[in-house]
Amino acid sequence: MPREDRGLVHAFVLDGRGGARAVDRRQLQELQLAEQESLWVHWDRSHPQTQDWLRRESGLSEFACDLLLEENTRPRMLPLPEQALLLFLRGVNLNPGAEPEDMVSLRIFADARRVISLRLRPVRATEALIADLAAGNGPKSASEVILSLAHYLTDKIENLVTELSEQVDEQEEMVDAEQRLVPDHGQLLQMRRRAASLRRFLAPQRDIYAQLTRHQLPWFLADDTDYWNELNNRLTRYLEELELSRERVSLVLEAENRRMDQRMNRTLYRFGVIAGVFLPLTFLTGLLGINVGGIPGAESPYGFAIICVLMVVLALGQWWLLRRLRLA
C-alpha cells in the first residue's frame, strides 16, 4: 500500500446498480460523485493518518470525530444535524487466535450519499460486503451499505450461537447416555462464560436495531424499516438462544453435582455400615487380647472356638438388625 494510503483499508464508489469501483486516498481528495453514486470508505482508526483525514478532510464536525475516535464505546445510534447518522455496532471476533466473545467494533458515519466506517481489528462483514460489490449484487445506496454491514455482523453471530448450542447438545447427550461419564467441567464453564459474555455485549445492539426500525431517515429506502425489524427479531432470537444455552449448561453442572453428592453419600453410608459391623467385633477382640490374668476361656481348649462362634453370632445379629431397620 502506498504511504499516503496507510490507514485507508477500502474505498469504493457505488454505482447505484450493485457494483462499485475502488478508489485510493489521492482520488478521494478530488472525487466528484455522479447523481446515482455513493461513497463508502473504510479506515483503520489506529493509524494517525486516519485521524488526520477524519479531522481535516472528511468534513465531519469535531463532535462526530471525537465520538468516532473514542477509545471505548458501546453499541449506540446518534442522529446528527443535516440528516446524518452515527452508528456503533459490535461483531464477534473471528480473527486467528482471538476469542469470539472479545468483540470487534464497527463505527459508522452515514448520510444520504456517504458512509465512513472505522475498525480497530479486521471485520469479516466488510469482506463479505466487498465480495457482493465485486459480484455486482452489492448495496446500491448508503442506507443499504449500513444495512448490509449490520446483516453480515448478525450472520457471524448466528454461526457462533449455533456452534455453542451444538456443543451444549453434545455434552447433554454424553451425560444422558452414560451416567458414569464425568463431563468436562472446564469446557462447560467456558461455554457458560462465552454465552454470558456474548449476551452482555450483544443485548445493547438489539436495542439499536429496534431504534432503527422506528427512526426513518429521509434517505432510507422504503423497505429498510422491514429489514431492520428482521435484524432485530433475529438478534432477539440469538440472545434467547444464548440465555437458553447458559441455563442448559447450568443444568448439566447441577445434575453432575447431584450425582457426585449421591455417589459420595452412598460411599459414606457403606463405610458407616462397615464401621458399625466391625466396631463391636474390634472391641471384643481388643478386650480379649489384653495380656492379663483372668481372661475367660484362657485355660479351656475350646476357648478360641467359642470366641469365634460368638463373633460370628454377633456379626449375624448385627446384620439381622440392620436389615430389620432397613439400613443394609
C-alpha atoms as a PDB file:
ATOM      1  CA  MET A   1       0.000   0.000   0.000  1.00  0.00           C
ATOM      2  CA  PRO A   2       1.394   3.461  -0.854  1.00  0.00           C
ATOM      3  CA  ARG A   3       2.448   5.570   2.070  1.00  0.00           C
ATOM      4  CA  GLU A   4      -0.382   8.056   1.566  1.00  0.00           C
ATOM      5  CA  ASP A   5      -2.957   5.212   1.733  1.00  0.00           C
ATOM      6  CA  ARG A   6      -1.878   3.998   5.155  1.00  0.00           C
ATOM      7  CA  GLY A   7      -4.911   3.790   7.392  1.00  0.00           C
ATOM      8  CA  LEU A   8      -7.303   3.527   4.448  1.00  0.00           C
ATOM      9  CA  VAL A   9      -8.459  -0.095   4.255  1.00  0.00           C
ATOM     10  CA  HIS A  10     -11.029   0.204   1.447  1.00  0.00           C
ATOM     11  CA  ALA A  11     -12.672   2.950  -0.559  1.00  0.00           C
ATOM     12  CA  PHE A  12     -15.431   2.291  -3.082  1.00  0.00           C
ATOM     13  CA  VAL A  13     -17.709   4.405  -5.211  1.00  0.00           C
ATOM     14  CA  LEU A  14     -21.045   2.608  -5.527  1.00  0.00           C
ATOM     15  CA  ASP A  15     -22.552   2.879  -8.988  1.00  0.00           C
ATOM     16  CA  GLY A  16     -26.177   2.580  -7.807  1.00  0.00           C
ATOM     17  CA  ARG A  17     -26.656  -0.745  -9.619  1.00  0.00           C
ATOM     18  CA  GLY A  18     -24.985  -3.161  -7.155  1.00  0.00           C
ATOM     19  CA  GLY A  19     -21.419  -2.684  -8.339  1.00  0.00           C
ATOM     20  CA  ALA A  20     -18.571  -0.397  -7.306  1.00  0.00           C
ATOM     21  CA  ARG A  21     -15.157   0.854  -8.306  1.00  0.00           C
ATOM     22  CA  ALA A  22     -12.227   1.150  -5.935  1.00  0.00           C
ATOM     23  CA  VAL A  23     -10.515   4.490  -5.335  1.00  0.00           C
ATOM     24  CA  ASP A  24      -7.363   5.403  -3.437  1.00  0.00           C
ATOM     25  CA  ARG A  25      -6.508   8.166  -0.989  1.00  0.00           C
ATOM     26  CA  ARG A  26      -5.438  10.658  -3.640  1.00  0.00           C
ATOM     27  CA  GLN A  27      -8.631  10.168  -5.646  1.00  0.00           C
ATOM     28  CA  LEU A  28     -10.722  10.844  -2.556  1.00  0.00           C
ATOM     29  CA  GLN A  29      -9.468  14.424  -2.414  1.00  0.00           C
ATOM     30  CA  GLU A  30     -10.850  15.323  -5.863  1.00  0.00           C
ATOM     31  CA  LEU A  31     -13.740  12.876  -6.049  1.00  0.00           C
ATOM     32  CA  GLN A  32     -16.997  14.122  -7.574  1.00  0.00           C
ATOM     33  CA  LEU A  33     -19.930  11.749  -7.253  1.00  0.00           C
ATOM     34  CA  ALA A  34     -22.447  11.347 -10.045  1.00  0.00           C
ATOM     35  CA  GLU A  35     -26.140  11.617  -9.231  1.00  0.00           C
ATOM     36  CA  GLN A  36     -26.708   7.896  -8.598  1.00  0.00           C
ATOM     37  CA  GLU A  37     -23.345   7.219  -6.958  1.00  0.00           C
ATOM     38  CA  SER A  38     -22.475   6.859  -3.265  1.00  0.00           C
ATOM     39  CA  LEU A  39     -19.161   6.603  -1.408  1.00  0.00           C
ATOM     40  CA  TRP A  40     -18.048   4.047   1.159  1.00  0.00           C
ATOM     41  CA  VAL A  41     -14.649   4.449   2.834  1.00  0.00           C
ATOM     42  CA  HIS A  42     -13.354   2.045   5.464  1.00  0.00           C
ATOM     43  CA  TRP A  43     -10.488   3.087   7.748  1.00  0.00           C
ATOM     44  CA  ASP A  44      -8.236   1.590  10.388  1.00  0.00           C
ATOM     45  CA  ARG A  45      -8.693   4.008  13.272  1.00  0.00           C
ATOM     46  CA  SER A  46      -5.377   3.063  14.926  1.00  0.00           C
ATOM     47  CA  HIS A  47      -3.387   4.901  12.232  1.00  0.00           C
ATOM     48  CA  PRO A  48      -2.547   8.588  12.752  1.00  0.00           C
ATOM     49  CA  GLN A  49      -3.300   9.176   9.060  1.00  0.00           C
ATOM     50  CA  THR A  50      -6.894   8.072   9.686  1.00  0.00           C
ATOM     51  CA  GLN A  51      -7.329  10.581  12.480  1.00  0.00           C
ATOM     52  CA  ASP A  52      -5.704  13.296  10.379  1.00  0.00           C
ATOM     53  CA  TRP A  53      -8.012  12.632   7.395  1.00  0.00           C
ATOM     54  CA  LEU A  54     -11.063  12.415   9.599  1.00  0.00           C
ATOM     55  CA  ARG A  55     -10.443  15.778  11.246  1.00  0.00           C
ATOM     56  CA  ARG A  56      -9.020  17.674   8.260  1.00  0.00           C
ATOM     57  CA  GLU A  57     -10.590  16.291   5.086  1.00  0.00           C
ATOM     58  CA  SER A  58     -13.761  14.372   5.925  1.00  0.00           C
ATOM     59  CA  GLY A  59     -15.909  17.436   6.596  1.00  0.00           C
ATOM     60  CA  LEU A  60     -17.241  15.914   9.832  1.00  0.00           C
ATOM     61  CA  SER A  61     -17.762  18.058  12.896  1.00  0.00           C
ATOM     62  CA  GLU A  62     -15.335  17.943  15.794  1.00  0.00           C
ATOM     63  CA  PHE A  63     -18.046  16.311  17.901  1.00  0.00           C
ATOM     64  CA  ALA A  64     -18.569  13.476  15.388  1.00  0.00           C
ATOM     65  CA  CYS A  65     -14.816  12.906  15.039  1.00  0.00           C
ATOM     66  CA  ASP A  66     -14.377  12.711  18.801  1.00  0.00           C
ATOM     67  CA  LEU A  67     -17.097  10.065  19.056  1.00  0.00           C
ATOM     68  CA  LEU A  68     -15.723   8.018  16.162  1.00  0.00           C
ATOM     69  CA  LEU A  69     -12.236   8.021  17.673  1.00  0.00           C
ATOM     70  CA  GLU A  70     -13.242   7.232  21.261  1.00  0.00           C
ATOM     71  CA  GLU A  71     -11.102   4.535  22.844  1.00  0.00           C
ATOM     72  CA  ASN A  72     -14.012   2.587  24.331  1.00  0.00           C
ATOM     73  CA  THR A  73     -17.634   2.674  23.343  1.00  0.00           C
ATOM     74  CA  ARG A  74     -20.760   0.539  23.233  1.00  0.00           C
ATOM     75  CA  PRO A  75     -23.464  -0.006  20.578  1.00  0.00           C
ATOM     76  CA  ARG A  76     -25.339   3.217  20.061  1.00  0.00           C
ATOM     77  CA  MET A  77     -27.153   5.277  17.462  1.00  0.00           C
ATOM     78  CA  LEU A  78     -26.956   9.062  17.384  1.00  0.00           C
ATOM     79  CA  PRO A  79     -28.738  11.295  14.858  1.00  0.00           C
ATOM     80  CA  LEU A  80     -26.641  14.258  13.699  1.00  0.00           C
ATOM     81  CA  PRO A  81     -27.543  17.531  12.007  1.00  0.00           C
ATOM     82  CA  GLU A  82     -28.233  17.551   8.259  1.00  0.00           C
ATOM     83  CA  GLN A  83     -29.891  14.113   8.428  1.00  0.00           C
ATOM     84  CA  ALA A  84     -26.622  12.315   9.195  1.00  0.00           C
ATOM     85  CA  LEU A  85     -26.228   9.345  11.494  1.00  0.00           C
ATOM     86  CA  LEU A  86     -23.622   7.862  13.826  1.00  0.00           C
ATOM     87  CA  LEU A  87     -23.932   4.119  14.340  1.00  0.00           C
ATOM     88  CA  PHE A  88     -21.691   1.963  16.530  1.00  0.00           C
ATOM     89  CA  LEU A  89     -22.071  -1.790  16.085  1.00  0.00           C
ATOM     90  CA  ARG A  90     -20.366  -4.876  17.501  1.00  0.00           C
ATOM     91  CA  GLY A  91     -19.492  -8.216  15.971  1.00  0.00           C
ATOM     92  CA  VAL A  92     -17.862 -11.432  17.108  1.00  0.00           C
ATOM     93  CA  ASN A  93     -14.090 -11.584  16.809  1.00  0.00           C
ATOM     94  CA  LEU A  94     -13.230 -14.237  14.215  1.00  0.00           C
ATOM     95  CA  ASN A  95      -9.594 -13.226  13.769  1.00  0.00           C
ATOM     96  CA  PRO A  96      -6.973 -16.001  14.189  1.00  0.00           C
ATOM     97  CA  GLY A  97      -6.020 -16.619  17.805  1.00  0.00           C
ATOM     98  CA  ALA A  98      -8.805 -14.415  19.200  1.00  0.00           C
ATOM     99  CA  GLU A  99     -11.710 -15.361  21.437  1.00  0.00           C
ATOM    100  CA  PRO A 100     -15.073 -14.797  19.687  1.00  0.00           C
ATOM    101  CA  GLU A 101     -16.525 -13.040  22.738  1.00  0.00           C
ATOM    102  CA  ASP A 102     -13.687 -10.481  22.522  1.00  0.00           C
ATOM    103  CA  MET A 103     -15.907  -8.320  20.334  1.00  0.00           C
ATOM    104  CA  VAL A 104     -14.853  -6.160  17.412  1.00  0.00           C
ATOM    105  CA  SER A 105     -16.337  -2.698  16.978  1.00  0.00           C
ATOM    106  CA  LEU A 106     -17.505  -1.084  13.746  1.00  0.00           C
ATOM    107  CA  ARG A 107     -18.073   2.678  13.916  1.00  0.00           C
ATOM    108  CA  ILE A 108     -20.074   4.246  11.129  1.00  0.00           C
ATOM    109  CA  PHE A 109     -20.899   7.754   9.997  1.00  0.00           C
ATOM    110  CA  ALA A 110     -23.525   7.853   7.267  1.00  0.00           C
ATOM    111  CA  ASP A 111     -25.514  10.429   5.378  1.00  0.00           C
ATOM    112  CA  ALA A 112     -27.520  10.317   2.166  1.00  0.00           C
ATOM    113  CA  ARG A 113     -24.552   9.591  -0.146  1.00  0.00           C
ATOM    114  CA  ARG A 114     -21.598   8.751   2.050  1.00  0.00           C
ATOM    115  CA  VAL A 115     -20.617   6.048   4.561  1.00  0.00           C
ATOM    116  CA  ILE A 116     -17.432   6.289   6.634  1.00  0.00           C
ATOM    117  CA  SER A 117     -16.641   3.212   8.721  1.00  0.00           C
ATOM    118  CA  LEU A 118     -13.787   2.658  11.148  1.00  0.00           C
ATOM    119  CA  ARG A 119     -12.433  -0.500  12.722  1.00  0.00           C
ATOM    120  CA  LEU A 120      -9.544  -1.388  15.012  1.00  0.00           C
ATOM    121  CA  ARG A 121      -9.306  -5.088  14.125  1.00  0.00           C
ATOM    122  CA  PRO A 122     -10.332  -6.767  10.861  1.00  0.00           C
ATOM    123  CA  VAL A 123     -14.073  -7.307  10.491  1.00  0.00           C
ATOM    124  CA  ARG A 124     -15.322 -10.176   8.338  1.00  0.00           C
ATOM    125  CA  ALA A 125     -18.541  -8.333   7.499  1.00  0.00           C
ATOM    126  CA  THR A 126     -16.665  -5.839   5.310  1.00  0.00           C
ATOM    127  CA  GLU A 127     -15.052  -8.686   3.368  1.00  0.00           C
ATOM    128  CA  ALA A 128     -18.460 -10.185   2.616  1.00  0.00           C
ATOM    129  CA  LEU A 129     -19.761  -6.786   1.524  1.00  0.00           C
ATOM    130  CA  ILE A 130     -16.802  -6.270  -0.821  1.00  0.00           C
ATOM    131  CA  ALA A 131     -17.431  -9.706  -2.345  1.00  0.00           C
ATOM    132  CA  ASP A 132     -21.026  -8.685  -3.072  1.00  0.00           C
ATOM    133  CA  LEU A 133     -19.856  -5.479  -4.743  1.00  0.00           C
ATOM    134  CA  ALA A 134     -17.357  -7.398  -6.835  1.00  0.00           C
ATOM    135  CA  ALA A 135     -20.130  -9.759  -7.965  1.00  0.00           C
ATOM    136  CA  GLY A 136     -22.366  -6.826  -8.904  1.00  0.00           C
ATOM    137  CA  ASN A 137     -25.104  -7.589  -6.352  1.00  0.00           C
ATOM    138  CA  GLY A 138     -23.972  -5.336  -3.527  1.00  0.00           C
ATOM    139  CA  PRO A 139     -25.686  -2.355  -1.920  1.00  0.00           C
ATOM    140  CA  LYS A 140     -26.859   0.429  -4.187  1.00  0.00           C
ATOM    141  CA  SER A 141     -27.040   3.295  -1.696  1.00  0.00           C
ATOM    142  CA  ALA A 142     -25.610   4.499   1.602  1.00  0.00           C
ATOM    143  CA  SER A 143     -28.566   3.147   3.575  1.00  0.00           C
ATOM    144  CA  GLU A 144     -28.062  -0.292   2.026  1.00  0.00           C
ATOM    145  CA  VAL A 145     -24.362  -0.208   2.954  1.00  0.00           C
ATOM    146  CA  ILE A 146     -25.031   0.151   6.674  1.00  0.00           C
ATOM    147  CA  LEU A 147     -27.882  -2.349   6.444  1.00  0.00           C
ATOM    148  CA  SER A 148     -25.599  -4.885   4.718  1.00  0.00           C
ATOM    149  CA  LEU A 149     -22.860  -4.387   7.307  1.00  0.00           C
ATOM    150  CA  ALA A 150     -25.363  -4.989  10.115  1.00  0.00           C
ATOM    151  CA  HIS A 151     -26.714  -8.024   8.261  1.00  0.00           C
ATOM    152  CA  TYR A 152     -23.296  -9.666   7.910  1.00  0.00           C
ATOM    153  CA  LEU A 153     -22.361  -8.882  11.515  1.00  0.00           C
ATOM    154  CA  THR A 154     -25.548 -10.634  12.604  1.00  0.00           C
ATOM    155  CA  ASP A 155     -24.812 -13.606  10.354  1.00  0.00           C
ATOM    156  CA  LYS A 156     -21.478 -14.169  12.093  1.00  0.00           C
ATOM    157  CA  ILE A 157     -23.268 -14.059  15.447  1.00  0.00           C
ATOM    158  CA  GLU A 158     -25.705 -16.703  14.232  1.00  0.00           C
ATOM    159  CA  ASN A 159     -22.874 -19.089  13.320  1.00  0.00           C
ATOM    160  CA  LEU A 160     -21.293 -18.748  16.750  1.00  0.00           C
ATOM    161  CA  VAL A 161     -24.592 -19.162  18.622  1.00  0.00           C
ATOM    162  CA  THR A 162     -25.395 -22.293  16.590  1.00  0.00           C
ATOM    163  CA  GLU A 163     -21.953 -23.752  17.283  1.00  0.00           C
ATOM    164  CA  LEU A 164     -22.306 -23.058  21.000  1.00  0.00           C
ATOM    165  CA  SER A 165     -25.741 -24.674  21.100  1.00  0.00           C
ATOM    166  CA  GLU A 166     -24.406 -27.781  19.344  1.00  0.00           C
ATOM    167  CA  GLN A 167     -21.600 -28.077  21.901  1.00  0.00           C
ATOM    168  CA  VAL A 168     -24.148 -27.992  24.723  1.00  0.00           C
ATOM    169  CA  ASP A 169     -26.183 -30.661  22.891  1.00  0.00           C
ATOM    170  CA  GLU A 170     -23.133 -32.932  22.731  1.00  0.00           C
ATOM    171  CA  GLN A 171     -22.458 -32.559  26.454  1.00  0.00           C
ATOM    172  CA  GLU A 172     -26.086 -33.292  27.340  1.00  0.00           C
ATOM    173  CA  GLU A 173     -26.192 -36.364  25.107  1.00  0.00           C
ATOM    174  CA  MET A 174     -22.952 -37.720  26.549  1.00  0.00           C
ATOM    175  CA  VAL A 175     -24.167 -37.291  30.130  1.00  0.00           C
ATOM    176  CA  ASP A 176     -27.590 -38.807  29.369  1.00  0.00           C
ATOM    177  CA  ALA A 177     -26.093 -41.777  27.502  1.00  0.00           C
ATOM    178  CA  GLU A 178     -23.589 -42.715  30.210  1.00  0.00           C
ATOM    179  CA  GLN A 179     -24.470 -41.994  33.827  1.00  0.00           C
ATOM    180  CA  ARG A 180     -20.930 -42.739  34.990  1.00  0.00           C
ATOM    181  CA  LEU A 181     -19.399 -40.314  32.490  1.00  0.00           C
ATOM    182  CA  VAL A 182     -17.943 -37.206  34.081  1.00  0.00           C
ATOM    183  CA  PRO A 183     -18.455 -34.158  31.793  1.00  0.00           C
ATOM    184  CA  ASP A 184     -15.651 -31.760  31.067  1.00  0.00           C
ATOM    185  CA  HIS A 185     -16.264 -29.112  33.724  1.00  0.00           C
ATOM    186  CA  GLY A 186     -13.682 -26.775  32.196  1.00  0.00           C
ATOM    187  CA  GLN A 187     -15.400 -26.859  28.814  1.00  0.00           C
ATOM    188  CA  LEU A 188     -18.840 -26.405  30.372  1.00  0.00           C
ATOM    189  CA  LEU A 189     -17.697 -23.400  32.374  1.00  0.00           C
ATOM    190  CA  GLN A 190     -16.076 -21.898  29.274  1.00  0.00           C
ATOM    191  CA  MET A 191     -19.326 -22.326  27.311  1.00  0.00           C
ATOM    192  CA  ARG A 192     -21.320 -20.694  30.090  1.00  0.00           C
ATOM    193  CA  ARG A 193     -18.895 -17.755  30.273  1.00  0.00           C
ATOM    194  CA  ARG A 194     -18.997 -17.367  26.498  1.00  0.00           C
ATOM    195  CA  ALA A 195     -22.798 -17.367  26.402  1.00  0.00           C
ATOM    196  CA  ALA A 196     -22.964 -14.822  29.225  1.00  0.00           C
ATOM    197  CA  SER A 197     -20.339 -12.554  27.625  1.00  0.00           C
ATOM    198  CA  LEU A 198     -21.950 -12.629  24.194  1.00  0.00           C
ATOM    199  CA  ARG A 199     -25.357 -11.873  25.633  1.00  0.00           C
ATOM    200  CA  ARG A 200     -23.987  -8.984  27.664  1.00  0.00           C
ATOM    201  CA  PHE A 201     -22.246  -7.385  24.689  1.00  0.00           C
ATOM    202  CA  LEU A 202     -24.971  -8.003  22.106  1.00  0.00           C
ATOM    203  CA  ALA A 203     -28.075  -7.032  24.087  1.00  0.00           C
ATOM    204  CA  PRO A 204     -27.491  -3.269  23.503  1.00  0.00           C
ATOM    205  CA  GLN A 205     -27.202  -3.911  19.764  1.00  0.00           C
ATOM    206  CA  ARG A 206     -30.710  -5.345  19.700  1.00  0.00           C
ATOM    207  CA  ASP A 207     -31.923  -2.021  21.084  1.00  0.00           C
ATOM    208  CA  ILE A 208     -30.073  -0.220  18.281  1.00  0.00           C
ATOM    209  CA  TYR A 209     -31.861  -2.315  15.648  1.00  0.00           C
ATOM    210  CA  ALA A 210     -35.175  -1.545  17.341  1.00  0.00           C
ATOM    211  CA  GLN A 211     -34.394   2.197  17.232  1.00  0.00           C
ATOM    212  CA  LEU A 212     -33.530   1.997  13.536  1.00  0.00           C
ATOM    213  CA  THR A 213     -36.855   0.256  12.957  1.00  0.00           C
ATOM    214  CA  ARG A 214     -38.630   3.315  14.375  1.00  0.00           C
ATOM    215  CA  HIS A 215     -36.182   6.005  13.211  1.00  0.00           C
ATOM    216  CA  GLN A 216     -36.745   6.519   9.491  1.00  0.00           C
ATOM    217  CA  LEU A 217     -34.333   8.999   7.900  1.00  0.00           C
ATOM    218  CA  PRO A 218     -35.364  10.621   4.600  1.00  0.00           C
ATOM    219  CA  TRP A 219     -32.564   8.897   2.689  1.00  0.00           C
ATOM    220  CA  PHE A 220     -33.546   5.436   3.946  1.00  0.00           C
ATOM    221  CA  LEU A 221     -35.290   3.280   1.359  1.00  0.00           C
ATOM    222  CA  ALA A 222     -38.949   2.483   1.841  1.00  0.00           C
ATOM    223  CA  ASP A 223     -38.375  -1.144   2.876  1.00  0.00           C
ATOM    224  CA  ASP A 224     -35.318  -0.517   5.078  1.00  0.00           C
ATOM    225  CA  THR A 225     -37.525  -0.468   8.171  1.00  0.00           C
ATOM    226  CA  ASP A 226     -38.679  -4.007   7.451  1.00  0.00           C
ATOM    227  CA  TYR A 227     -35.078  -5.217   7.159  1.00  0.00           C
ATOM    228  CA  TRP A 228     -34.041  -3.513  10.399  1.00  0.00           C
ATOM    229  CA  ASN A 229     -37.033  -5.093  12.110  1.00  0.00           C
ATOM    230  CA  GLU A 230     -35.998  -8.509  10.812  1.00  0.00           C
ATOM    231  CA  LEU A 231     -32.464  -7.989  12.129  1.00  0.00           C
ATOM    232  CA  ASN A 232     -33.952  -7.007  15.479  1.00  0.00           C
ATOM    233  CA  ASN A 233     -36.016 -10.207  15.566  1.00  0.00           C
ATOM    234  CA  ARG A 234     -33.042 -12.347  14.576  1.00  0.00           C
ATOM    235  CA  LEU A 235     -30.774 -10.868  17.213  1.00  0.00           C
ATOM    236  CA  THR A 236     -33.512 -11.261  19.825  1.00  0.00           C
ATOM    237  CA  ARG A 237     -33.745 -14.938  18.916  1.00  0.00           C
ATOM    238  CA  TYR A 238     -29.957 -15.355  19.221  1.00  0.00           C
ATOM    239  CA  LEU A 239     -29.949 -13.670  22.617  1.00  0.00           C
ATOM    240  CA  GLU A 240     -32.695 -16.004  23.792  1.00  0.00           C
ATOM    241  CA  GLU A 241     -30.685 -18.962  22.488  1.00  0.00           C
ATOM    242  CA  LEU A 242     -27.612 -17.745  24.384  1.00  0.00           C
ATOM    243  CA  GLU A 243     -29.646 -17.464  27.573  1.00  0.00           C
ATOM    244  CA  LEU A 244     -31.039 -20.959  26.997  1.00  0.00           C
ATOM    245  CA  SER A 245     -27.532 -22.354  26.384  1.00  0.00           C
ATOM    246  CA  ARG A 246     -26.308 -20.808  29.629  1.00  0.00           C
ATOM    247  CA  GLU A 247     -29.241 -22.327  31.531  1.00  0.00           C
ATOM    248  CA  ARG A 248     -28.689 -25.731  29.939  1.00  0.00           C
ATOM    249  CA  VAL A 249     -25.030 -25.705  30.924  1.00  0.00           C
ATOM    250  CA  SER A 250     -26.045 -24.813  34.464  1.00  0.00           C
ATOM    251  CA  LEU A 251     -28.500 -27.734  34.496  1.00  0.00           C
ATOM    252  CA  VAL A 252     -25.802 -30.155  33.297  1.00  0.00           C
ATOM    253  CA  LEU A 253     -23.457 -28.939  36.028  1.00  0.00           C
ATOM    254  CA  GLU A 254     -26.198 -29.167  38.655  1.00  0.00           C
ATOM    255  CA  ALA A 255     -27.114 -32.701  37.553  1.00  0.00           C
ATOM    256  CA  GLU A 256     -23.464 -33.737  37.739  1.00  0.00           C
ATOM    257  CA  ASN A 257     -23.122 -32.182  41.200  1.00  0.00           C
ATOM    258  CA  ARG A 258     -26.189 -34.099  42.366  1.00  0.00           C
ATOM    259  CA  ARG A 259     -24.774 -37.353  41.024  1.00  0.00           C
ATOM    260  CA  MET A 260     -21.469 -36.674  42.752  1.00  0.00           C
ATOM    261  CA  ASP A 261     -23.287 -35.951  46.023  1.00  0.00           C
ATOM    262  CA  GLN A 262     -25.299 -39.152  45.689  1.00  0.00           C
ATOM    263  CA  ARG A 263     -22.176 -41.210  44.989  1.00  0.00           C
ATOM    264  CA  MET A 264     -20.438 -39.605  47.943  1.00  0.00           C
ATOM    265  CA  ASN A 265     -23.420 -40.284  50.220  1.00  0.00           C
ATOM    266  CA  ARG A 266     -23.567 -43.925  49.137  1.00  0.00           C
ATOM    267  CA  THR A 267     -19.846 -44.333  49.732  1.00  0.00           C
ATOM    268  CA  LEU A 268     -20.024 -42.749  53.185  1.00  0.00           C
ATOM    269  CA  TYR A 269     -23.074 -44.862  54.020  1.00  0.00           C
ATOM    270  CA  ARG A 270     -21.251 -48.063  53.103  1.00  0.00           C
ATOM    271  CA  PHE A 271     -18.259 -47.036  55.184  1.00  0.00           C
ATOM    272  CA  GLY A 272     -20.631 -46.298  58.060  1.00  0.00           C
ATOM    273  CA  VAL A 273     -22.281 -49.722  57.808  1.00  0.00           C
ATOM    274  CA  ILE A 274     -18.905 -51.482  57.677  1.00  0.00           C
ATOM    275  CA  ALA A 275     -17.666 -49.481  60.651  1.00  0.00           C
ATOM    276  CA  GLY A 276     -20.876 -50.312  62.549  1.00  0.00           C
ATOM    277  CA  VAL A 277     -20.369 -54.036  61.924  1.00  0.00           C
ATOM    278  CA  PHE A 278     -16.722 -54.193  62.848  1.00  0.00           C
ATOM    279  CA  LEU A 279     -16.753 -51.808  65.816  1.00  0.00           C
ATOM    280  CA  PRO A 280     -18.249 -54.346  68.296  1.00  0.00           C
ATOM    281  CA  LEU A 281     -16.024 -57.107  66.911  1.00  0.00           C
ATOM    282  CA  THR A 282     -12.991 -54.866  67.276  1.00  0.00           C
ATOM    283  CA  PHE A 283     -13.993 -54.058  70.842  1.00  0.00           C
ATOM    284  CA  LEU A 284     -14.438 -57.759  71.642  1.00  0.00           C
ATOM    285  CA  THR A 285     -11.097 -58.814  70.159  1.00  0.00           C
ATOM    286  CA  GLY A 286      -9.373 -55.911  71.881  1.00  0.00           C
ATOM    287  CA  LEU A 287     -10.922 -56.809  75.218  1.00  0.00           C
ATOM    288  CA  LEU A 288      -9.956 -60.482  74.942  1.00  0.00           C
ATOM    289  CA  GLY A 289      -6.495 -59.607  73.717  1.00  0.00           C
ATOM    290  CA  ILE A 290      -5.492 -57.915  76.950  1.00  0.00           C
ATOM    291  CA  ASN A 291      -2.447 -59.739  78.255  1.00  0.00           C
ATOM    292  CA  VAL A 292      -3.601 -60.029  81.898  1.00  0.00           C
ATOM    293  CA  GLY A 293      -4.849 -62.854  84.042  1.00  0.00           C
ATOM    294  CA  GLY A 294      -8.496 -63.767  84.378  1.00  0.00           C
ATOM    295  CA  ILE A 295      -9.386 -63.761  80.680  1.00  0.00           C
ATOM    296  CA  PRO A 296     -12.439 -66.099  80.315  1.00  0.00           C
ATOM    297  CA  GLY A 297     -11.634 -69.341  78.495  1.00  0.00           C
ATOM    298  CA  ALA A 298      -7.886 -68.861  78.673  1.00  0.00           C
ATOM    299  CA  GLU A 299      -7.430 -72.286  80.274  1.00  0.00           C
ATOM    300  CA  SER A 300     -10.071 -74.063  78.168  1.00  0.00           C
ATOM    301  CA  PRO A 301      -9.007 -75.888  74.964  1.00  0.00           C
ATOM    302  CA  TYR A 302     -12.301 -74.771  73.412  1.00  0.00           C
ATOM    303  CA  GLY A 303     -11.956 -71.096  74.320  1.00  0.00           C
ATOM    304  CA  PHE A 304     -10.782 -69.936  70.861  1.00  0.00           C
ATOM    305  CA  ALA A 305     -13.580 -71.818  69.088  1.00  0.00           C
ATOM    306  CA  ILE A 306     -16.162 -70.417  71.481  1.00  0.00           C
ATOM    307  CA  ILE A 307     -14.956 -66.871  70.869  1.00  0.00           C
ATOM    308  CA  CYS A 308     -15.033 -67.371  67.084  1.00  0.00           C
ATOM    309  CA  VAL A 309     -18.591 -68.700  67.257  1.00  0.00           C
ATOM    310  CA  LEU A 310     -19.560 -65.790  69.489  1.00  0.00           C
ATOM    311  CA  MET A 311     -18.158 -63.279  66.998  1.00  0.00           C
ATOM    312  CA  VAL A 312     -19.989 -64.954  64.108  1.00  0.00           C
ATOM    313  CA  VAL A 313     -23.232 -64.889  66.065  1.00  0.00           C
ATOM    314  CA  LEU A 314     -22.666 -61.255  66.941  1.00  0.00           C
ATOM    315  CA  ALA A 315     -21.992 -60.373  63.283  1.00  0.00           C
ATOM    316  CA  LEU A 316     -25.136 -62.221  62.128  1.00  0.00           C
ATOM    317  CA  GLY A 317     -27.148 -60.464  64.817  1.00  0.00           C
ATOM    318  CA  GLN A 318     -25.920 -57.074  63.598  1.00  0.00           C
ATOM    319  CA  TRP A 319     -26.715 -57.996  60.016  1.00  0.00           C
ATOM    320  CA  TRP A 320     -30.258 -59.067  61.028  1.00  0.00           C
ATOM    321  CA  LEU A 321     -30.763 -55.864  62.979  1.00  0.00           C
ATOM    322  CA  LEU A 322     -29.572 -53.664  60.122  1.00  0.00           C
ATOM    323  CA  ARG A 323     -31.855 -55.496  57.714  1.00  0.00           C
ATOM    324  CA  ARG A 324     -34.797 -55.089  60.075  1.00  0.00           C
ATOM    325  CA  LEU A 325     -34.087 -51.374  60.413  1.00  0.00           C
ATOM    326  CA  ARG A 326     -33.699 -51.141  56.568  1.00  0.00           C
ATOM    327  CA  LEU A 327     -30.157 -49.806  56.935  1.00  0.00           C
ATOM    328  CA  ALA A 328     -28.455 -52.502  54.882  1.00  0.00           C
END
